[in-house]
Amino acid sequence: MPRVLIADDEVSMRTLVARAMAMDGHDTVTAEDGAEALEILSHEQGAFDLLLTDIQMPVMDGIALALAAARDFPDLTILLMTGFADQRERASGLNAIAHDVIIKPFSVADIRAAVAGALAARKTGQRGDAAL
C-alpha cells in the first residue's frame, strides 16, 4: 500500500485529496504546511512513496518543502499542486525533482490519475512528461 504525505493549508483540500487517495487504497498522512510536512518526513525517515504538496502555503511553501525533501529523501516522488499561474511559473525550475504540477481546481478523478501516474513513474524511475 503506497504511503502519501499530503501538505496543504486548506482543510477542505487536504480532506478531499486524502479521501481520493483512500479510494485507491493509499495510506495517507496530512500536514497543514511545509514545515509540518518536513517534520513528518524527518520523523518517519522519509517512509513515504509520494509527497503531494500545495505550492502556496504559510510557514514553508511547497517549493521550499520540495527542495528540502528532494535533498533529504532523494527516492521520494514529489507532485505539486497550485491554483495560481504564477506559482506554476515558480515551479518550472523544479522538473529535476518534481514529477508534475497539478492545477487546482481538479476533480477527484484528476488527482487520482495524477497520483497513479506519479507512483507508476516512481517504479520505472521516470519523471512526468508535462512541462513544469
N, C-alpha and C. Protein backbone atom coordinates (compact mmCIF):
# COMPACT_ATOMS: atom_id res chain seq x y z
N MET A 1 0.84 -1.17 0.00
CA MET A 1 0.00 0.00 0.00
C MET A 1 0.90 1.25 0.00
N PRO A 2 0.82 2.06 -1.05
CA PRO A 2 1.64 3.27 -1.10
C PRO A 2 1.26 4.26 0.01
N ARG A 3 2.27 4.93 0.53
CA ARG A 3 2.06 5.96 1.55
C ARG A 3 2.21 7.32 0.89
N VAL A 4 1.23 8.19 1.15
CA VAL A 4 1.21 9.52 0.55
C VAL A 4 1.15 10.56 1.66
N LEU A 5 2.07 11.53 1.62
CA LEU A 5 2.04 12.66 2.53
C LEU A 5 1.44 13.83 1.78
N ILE A 6 0.35 14.38 2.30
CA ILE A 6 -0.37 15.48 1.67
C ILE A 6 -0.15 16.74 2.49
N ALA A 7 0.40 17.78 1.85
CA ALA A 7 0.62 19.05 2.53
C ALA A 7 -0.19 20.14 1.83
N ASP A 8 -1.13 20.71 2.55
CA ASP A 8 -1.95 21.80 2.01
C ASP A 8 -2.52 22.57 3.19
N ASP A 9 -2.53 23.89 3.09
CA ASP A 9 -3.02 24.70 4.20
C ASP A 9 -4.54 24.78 4.27
N GLU A 10 -5.23 24.30 3.26
CA GLU A 10 -6.69 24.30 3.25
C GLU A 10 -7.22 22.95 3.73
N VAL A 11 -7.96 22.97 4.83
CA VAL A 11 -8.50 21.74 5.40
C VAL A 11 -9.34 20.99 4.38
N SER A 12 -10.19 21.71 3.65
CA SER A 12 -11.07 21.05 2.68
C SER A 12 -10.28 20.35 1.59
N MET A 13 -9.18 20.95 1.15
CA MET A 13 -8.35 20.33 0.11
C MET A 13 -7.64 19.10 0.66
N ARG A 14 -7.10 19.20 1.86
CA ARG A 14 -6.44 18.03 2.48
C ARG A 14 -7.41 16.87 2.60
N THR A 15 -8.63 17.18 3.04
CA THR A 15 -9.65 16.15 3.23
C THR A 15 -10.04 15.53 1.90
N LEU A 16 -10.28 16.36 0.89
CA LEU A 16 -10.65 15.86 -0.44
C LEU A 16 -9.58 14.94 -1.01
N VAL A 17 -8.33 15.39 -0.95
CA VAL A 17 -7.24 14.60 -1.52
C VAL A 17 -7.03 13.31 -0.73
N ALA A 18 -7.10 13.38 0.58
CA ALA A 18 -6.94 12.17 1.40
C ALA A 18 -8.04 11.15 1.10
N ARG A 19 -9.26 11.64 0.92
CA ARG A 19 -10.36 10.72 0.58
C ARG A 19 -10.16 10.11 -0.80
N ALA A 20 -9.69 10.92 -1.74
CA ALA A 20 -9.43 10.41 -3.08
C ALA A 20 -8.34 9.34 -3.05
N MET A 21 -7.30 9.56 -2.23
CA MET A 21 -6.21 8.59 -2.12
C MET A 21 -6.69 7.30 -1.45
N ALA A 22 -7.58 7.44 -0.47
CA ALA A 22 -8.12 6.27 0.22
C ALA A 22 -8.93 5.40 -0.74
N MET A 23 -9.56 6.01 -1.75
CA MET A 23 -10.33 5.25 -2.74
C MET A 23 -9.44 4.27 -3.49
N ASP A 24 -8.16 4.60 -3.60
CA ASP A 24 -7.22 3.72 -4.29
C ASP A 24 -6.38 2.89 -3.32
N GLY A 25 -6.76 2.91 -2.05
CA GLY A 25 -6.09 2.08 -1.07
C GLY A 25 -4.78 2.64 -0.54
N HIS A 26 -4.53 3.92 -0.76
CA HIS A 26 -3.30 4.53 -0.28
C HIS A 26 -3.42 4.91 1.19
N ASP A 27 -2.35 4.76 1.92
CA ASP A 27 -2.25 5.21 3.30
C ASP A 27 -1.84 6.67 3.27
N THR A 28 -2.60 7.56 3.89
CA THR A 28 -2.29 8.99 3.82
C THR A 28 -2.00 9.58 5.19
N VAL A 29 -1.13 10.57 5.17
CA VAL A 29 -0.83 11.40 6.33
C VAL A 29 -0.94 12.83 5.82
N THR A 30 -1.51 13.72 6.62
CA THR A 30 -1.67 15.10 6.17
C THR A 30 -0.90 16.07 7.04
N ALA A 31 -0.53 17.19 6.42
CA ALA A 31 0.16 18.29 7.11
C ALA A 31 -0.44 19.60 6.64
N GLU A 32 -0.50 20.59 7.53
CA GLU A 32 -1.14 21.85 7.16
C GLU A 32 -0.18 22.87 6.58
N ASP A 33 1.10 22.58 6.55
CA ASP A 33 2.07 23.46 5.89
C ASP A 33 3.36 22.68 5.64
N GLY A 34 4.27 23.32 4.93
CA GLY A 34 5.51 22.65 4.56
C GLY A 34 6.38 22.28 5.75
N ALA A 35 6.41 23.15 6.76
CA ALA A 35 7.22 22.86 7.94
C ALA A 35 6.74 21.60 8.65
N GLU A 36 5.43 21.48 8.80
CA GLU A 36 4.88 20.28 9.44
C GLU A 36 5.16 19.04 8.58
N ALA A 37 5.02 19.18 7.27
CA ALA A 37 5.29 18.05 6.38
C ALA A 37 6.75 17.61 6.47
N LEU A 38 7.67 18.57 6.51
CA LEU A 38 9.08 18.23 6.60
C LEU A 38 9.38 17.56 7.95
N GLU A 39 8.71 18.02 9.00
CA GLU A 39 8.87 17.38 10.32
C GLU A 39 8.39 15.94 10.27
N ILE A 40 7.26 15.70 9.62
CA ILE A 40 6.73 14.33 9.49
C ILE A 40 7.69 13.47 8.67
N LEU A 41 8.16 14.00 7.56
CA LEU A 41 9.13 13.26 6.73
C LEU A 41 10.36 12.88 7.54
N SER A 42 10.88 13.84 8.28
CA SER A 42 12.09 13.59 9.08
C SER A 42 11.83 12.57 10.18
N HIS A 43 10.70 12.74 10.88
CA HIS A 43 10.36 11.83 11.97
C HIS A 43 10.19 10.40 11.46
N GLU A 44 9.61 10.25 10.28
CA GLU A 44 9.36 8.92 9.72
C GLU A 44 10.46 8.50 8.75
N GLN A 45 11.55 9.24 8.74
CA GLN A 45 12.72 8.96 7.92
C GLN A 45 12.36 8.72 6.45
N GLY A 46 11.47 9.55 5.94
CA GLY A 46 11.14 9.51 4.53
C GLY A 46 10.34 8.29 4.10
N ALA A 47 9.64 7.65 5.02
CA ALA A 47 8.93 6.40 4.73
C ALA A 47 7.62 6.65 3.97
N PHE A 48 7.72 7.42 2.89
CA PHE A 48 6.57 7.71 2.04
C PHE A 48 6.95 7.43 0.59
N ASP A 49 5.95 7.10 -0.21
CA ASP A 49 6.17 6.89 -1.63
C ASP A 49 5.98 8.17 -2.42
N LEU A 50 5.12 9.06 -1.90
CA LEU A 50 4.77 10.27 -2.62
C LEU A 50 4.54 11.43 -1.67
N LEU A 51 5.07 12.59 -2.03
CA LEU A 51 4.76 13.84 -1.36
C LEU A 51 3.89 14.64 -2.32
N LEU A 52 2.68 14.95 -1.90
CA LEU A 52 1.73 15.73 -2.70
C LEU A 52 1.55 17.04 -1.96
N THR A 53 2.11 18.13 -2.50
CA THR A 53 2.11 19.39 -1.77
C THR A 53 1.61 20.56 -2.59
N ASP A 54 0.83 21.40 -1.90
CA ASP A 54 0.43 22.68 -2.47
C ASP A 54 1.69 23.54 -2.55
N ILE A 55 1.74 24.45 -3.50
CA ILE A 55 2.90 25.34 -3.60
C ILE A 55 2.77 26.49 -2.63
N GLN A 56 1.62 27.14 -2.60
CA GLN A 56 1.45 28.33 -1.77
C GLN A 56 0.87 27.96 -0.42
N MET A 57 1.73 28.03 0.62
CA MET A 57 1.32 27.73 1.99
C MET A 57 2.09 28.66 2.93
N PRO A 58 1.53 28.90 4.12
CA PRO A 58 2.28 29.70 5.10
C PRO A 58 3.42 28.88 5.73
N VAL A 59 4.24 29.52 6.47
CA VAL A 59 5.37 28.96 7.22
C VAL A 59 6.47 28.48 6.27
N MET A 60 6.22 27.42 5.52
CA MET A 60 7.14 26.92 4.49
C MET A 60 6.31 26.54 3.29
N ASP A 61 6.60 27.15 2.14
CA ASP A 61 5.79 26.84 0.96
C ASP A 61 6.20 25.51 0.35
N GLY A 62 5.44 25.08 -0.64
CA GLY A 62 5.66 23.78 -1.26
C GLY A 62 6.96 23.66 -2.03
N ILE A 63 7.45 24.77 -2.56
CA ILE A 63 8.71 24.72 -3.30
C ILE A 63 9.87 24.52 -2.33
N ALA A 64 9.87 25.25 -1.22
CA ALA A 64 10.92 25.04 -0.21
C ALA A 64 10.83 23.62 0.34
N LEU A 65 9.62 23.13 0.56
CA LEU A 65 9.42 21.76 1.03
C LEU A 65 9.96 20.76 0.02
N ALA A 66 9.62 20.95 -1.26
CA ALA A 66 10.08 20.04 -2.31
C ALA A 66 11.61 20.01 -2.38
N LEU A 67 12.23 21.17 -2.29
CA LEU A 67 13.69 21.23 -2.34
C LEU A 67 14.31 20.50 -1.16
N ALA A 68 13.79 20.72 0.04
CA ALA A 68 14.32 20.05 1.23
C ALA A 68 14.06 18.55 1.18
N ALA A 69 12.86 18.17 0.75
CA ALA A 69 12.52 16.74 0.67
C ALA A 69 13.38 16.02 -0.36
N ALA A 70 13.59 16.65 -1.51
CA ALA A 70 14.42 16.03 -2.55
C ALA A 70 15.87 15.88 -2.08
N ARG A 71 16.33 16.86 -1.34
CA ARG A 71 17.70 16.80 -0.81
C ARG A 71 17.85 15.68 0.23
N ASP A 72 16.89 15.61 1.16
CA ASP A 72 17.00 14.67 2.27
C ASP A 72 16.48 13.27 1.95
N PHE A 73 15.54 13.19 1.00
CA PHE A 73 14.91 11.91 0.66
C PHE A 73 14.84 11.77 -0.86
N PRO A 74 15.97 11.53 -1.51
CA PRO A 74 16.03 11.56 -2.98
C PRO A 74 15.16 10.53 -3.69
N ASP A 75 14.71 9.49 -2.99
CA ASP A 75 13.85 8.49 -3.62
C ASP A 75 12.37 8.84 -3.54
N LEU A 76 12.05 9.92 -2.87
CA LEU A 76 10.66 10.34 -2.70
C LEU A 76 10.14 11.00 -3.99
N THR A 77 9.00 10.56 -4.47
CA THR A 77 8.37 11.18 -5.63
C THR A 77 7.57 12.39 -5.14
N ILE A 78 7.69 13.50 -5.87
CA ILE A 78 7.06 14.75 -5.46
C ILE A 78 6.09 15.22 -6.54
N LEU A 79 4.88 15.54 -6.13
CA LEU A 79 3.85 16.05 -7.01
C LEU A 79 3.36 17.36 -6.40
N LEU A 80 3.39 18.44 -7.18
CA LEU A 80 3.00 19.76 -6.70
C LEU A 80 1.58 20.09 -7.14
N MET A 81 0.89 20.90 -6.31
CA MET A 81 -0.46 21.37 -6.64
C MET A 81 -0.46 22.89 -6.52
N THR A 82 -1.20 23.57 -7.41
CA THR A 82 -1.36 25.01 -7.28
C THR A 82 -2.62 25.48 -7.99
N GLY A 83 -3.15 26.56 -7.50
CA GLY A 83 -4.28 27.21 -8.14
C GLY A 83 -3.88 28.54 -8.76
N PHE A 84 -2.60 28.83 -8.74
CA PHE A 84 -2.11 30.13 -9.19
C PHE A 84 -1.11 29.97 -10.33
N ALA A 85 -1.34 30.67 -11.44
CA ALA A 85 -0.45 30.58 -12.60
C ALA A 85 0.97 31.00 -12.26
N ASP A 86 1.13 32.05 -11.44
CA ASP A 86 2.47 32.50 -11.11
C ASP A 86 3.22 31.47 -10.28
N GLN A 87 2.50 30.66 -9.50
CA GLN A 87 3.15 29.61 -8.72
C GLN A 87 3.63 28.48 -9.63
N ARG A 88 2.89 28.21 -10.69
CA ARG A 88 3.32 27.21 -11.65
C ARG A 88 4.62 27.67 -12.31
N GLU A 89 4.72 28.96 -12.57
CA GLU A 89 5.95 29.52 -13.14
C GLU A 89 7.12 29.32 -12.18
N ARG A 90 6.87 29.53 -10.88
CA ARG A 90 7.92 29.33 -9.88
C ARG A 90 8.40 27.88 -9.87
N ALA A 91 7.49 26.95 -10.16
CA ALA A 91 7.82 25.53 -10.13
C ALA A 91 8.54 25.06 -11.39
N SER A 92 8.62 25.92 -12.41
CA SER A 92 9.18 25.49 -13.69
C SER A 92 10.62 25.02 -13.59
N GLY A 93 11.36 25.49 -12.61
CA GLY A 93 12.75 25.05 -12.46
C GLY A 93 12.91 23.78 -11.65
N LEU A 94 11.80 23.18 -11.24
CA LEU A 94 11.87 22.00 -10.38
C LEU A 94 11.70 20.68 -11.12
N ASN A 95 11.73 20.70 -12.44
CA ASN A 95 11.44 19.46 -13.17
C ASN A 95 12.44 18.34 -12.88
N ALA A 96 13.60 18.66 -12.32
CA ALA A 96 14.55 17.61 -11.96
C ALA A 96 14.13 16.88 -10.69
N ILE A 97 13.30 17.53 -9.86
CA ILE A 97 12.91 16.88 -8.61
C ILE A 97 11.42 16.61 -8.47
N ALA A 98 10.58 17.33 -9.21
CA ALA A 98 9.13 17.15 -9.11
C ALA A 98 8.60 16.41 -10.33
N HIS A 99 7.70 15.49 -10.07
CA HIS A 99 7.12 14.71 -11.16
C HIS A 99 6.24 15.57 -12.06
N ASP A 100 5.41 16.41 -11.46
CA ASP A 100 4.47 17.21 -12.24
C ASP A 100 3.85 18.27 -11.33
N VAL A 101 3.09 19.19 -11.95
CA VAL A 101 2.30 20.19 -11.23
C VAL A 101 0.85 19.99 -11.63
N ILE A 102 -0.01 19.80 -10.65
CA ILE A 102 -1.44 19.63 -10.88
C ILE A 102 -2.10 20.98 -10.60
N ILE A 103 -2.93 21.42 -11.54
CA ILE A 103 -3.59 22.71 -11.42
C ILE A 103 -4.94 22.57 -10.72
N LYS A 104 -5.15 23.37 -9.68
CA LYS A 104 -6.43 23.43 -8.98
C LYS A 104 -7.32 24.41 -9.73
N PRO A 105 -8.61 24.23 -9.73
CA PRO A 105 -9.31 23.11 -9.12
C PRO A 105 -9.21 21.87 -10.00
N PHE A 106 -9.20 20.73 -9.36
CA PHE A 106 -9.18 19.47 -10.09
C PHE A 106 -10.28 18.57 -9.54
N SER A 107 -10.64 17.58 -10.32
CA SER A 107 -11.66 16.63 -9.88
C SER A 107 -10.98 15.49 -9.11
N VAL A 108 -11.78 14.71 -8.42
CA VAL A 108 -11.26 13.54 -7.73
C VAL A 108 -10.59 12.60 -8.74
N ALA A 109 -11.21 12.43 -9.91
CA ALA A 109 -10.63 11.58 -10.94
C ALA A 109 -9.28 12.12 -11.41
N ASP A 110 -9.17 13.45 -11.54
CA ASP A 110 -7.91 14.07 -11.98
C ASP A 110 -6.78 13.80 -10.99
N ILE A 111 -7.04 13.99 -9.70
CA ILE A 111 -5.98 13.81 -8.72
C ILE A 111 -5.63 12.34 -8.57
N ARG A 112 -6.62 11.48 -8.66
CA ARG A 112 -6.33 10.04 -8.60
C ARG A 112 -5.46 9.62 -9.78
N ALA A 113 -5.76 10.13 -10.96
CA ALA A 113 -4.96 9.80 -12.15
C ALA A 113 -3.55 10.36 -12.02
N ALA A 114 -3.42 11.58 -11.52
CA ALA A 114 -2.09 12.19 -11.36
C ALA A 114 -1.24 11.41 -10.37
N VAL A 115 -1.84 11.00 -9.27
CA VAL A 115 -1.11 10.22 -8.27
C VAL A 115 -0.75 8.85 -8.82
N ALA A 116 -1.67 8.21 -9.51
CA ALA A 116 -1.38 6.91 -10.11
C ALA A 116 -0.21 7.02 -11.10
N GLY A 117 -0.22 8.08 -11.91
CA GLY A 117 0.87 8.30 -12.86
C GLY A 117 2.20 8.54 -12.17
N ALA A 118 2.19 9.33 -11.10
CA ALA A 118 3.42 9.61 -10.35
C ALA A 118 3.96 8.35 -9.69
N LEU A 119 3.07 7.54 -9.12
CA LEU A 119 3.52 6.30 -8.48
C LEU A 119 4.01 5.29 -9.51
N ALA A 120 3.37 5.23 -10.67
CA ALA A 120 3.83 4.34 -11.74
C ALA A 120 5.20 4.77 -12.24
N ALA A 121 5.39 6.07 -12.39
CA ALA A 121 6.68 6.59 -12.84
C ALA A 121 7.76 6.33 -11.80
N ARG A 122 7.38 6.34 -10.52
CA ARG A 122 8.33 6.06 -9.45
C ARG A 122 8.93 4.67 -9.63
N LYS A 123 8.07 3.72 -10.01
CA LYS A 123 8.54 2.35 -10.20
C LYS A 123 9.53 2.22 -11.35
N THR A 124 9.34 3.07 -12.37
CA THR A 124 10.22 3.00 -13.54
C THR A 124 11.33 4.02 -13.50
N GLY A 125 11.30 4.90 -12.48
CA GLY A 125 12.34 5.92 -12.34
C GLY A 125 12.21 7.10 -13.29
N GLN A 126 11.00 7.31 -13.82
CA GLN A 126 10.78 8.42 -14.77
C GLN A 126 10.10 9.58 -14.08
N ARG A 127 10.33 10.77 -14.62
CA ARG A 127 9.63 11.97 -14.16
C ARG A 127 8.46 12.19 -15.10
N GLY A 128 7.55 13.06 -14.71
CA GLY A 128 6.41 13.38 -15.57
C GLY A 128 6.85 14.01 -16.86
N ASP A 129 6.05 13.83 -17.90
CA ASP A 129 6.41 14.42 -19.18
C ASP A 129 5.75 15.77 -19.39
N ALA A 130 4.95 16.20 -18.43
CA ALA A 130 4.37 17.54 -18.56
C ALA A 130 5.44 18.57 -18.28
N ALA A 131 5.38 19.66 -19.00
CA ALA A 131 6.35 20.73 -18.80
C ALA A 131 6.03 21.44 -17.50
N LEU A 132 6.97 21.46 -16.58
CA LEU A 132 6.74 22.13 -15.30
C LEU A 132 6.88 23.60 -15.45
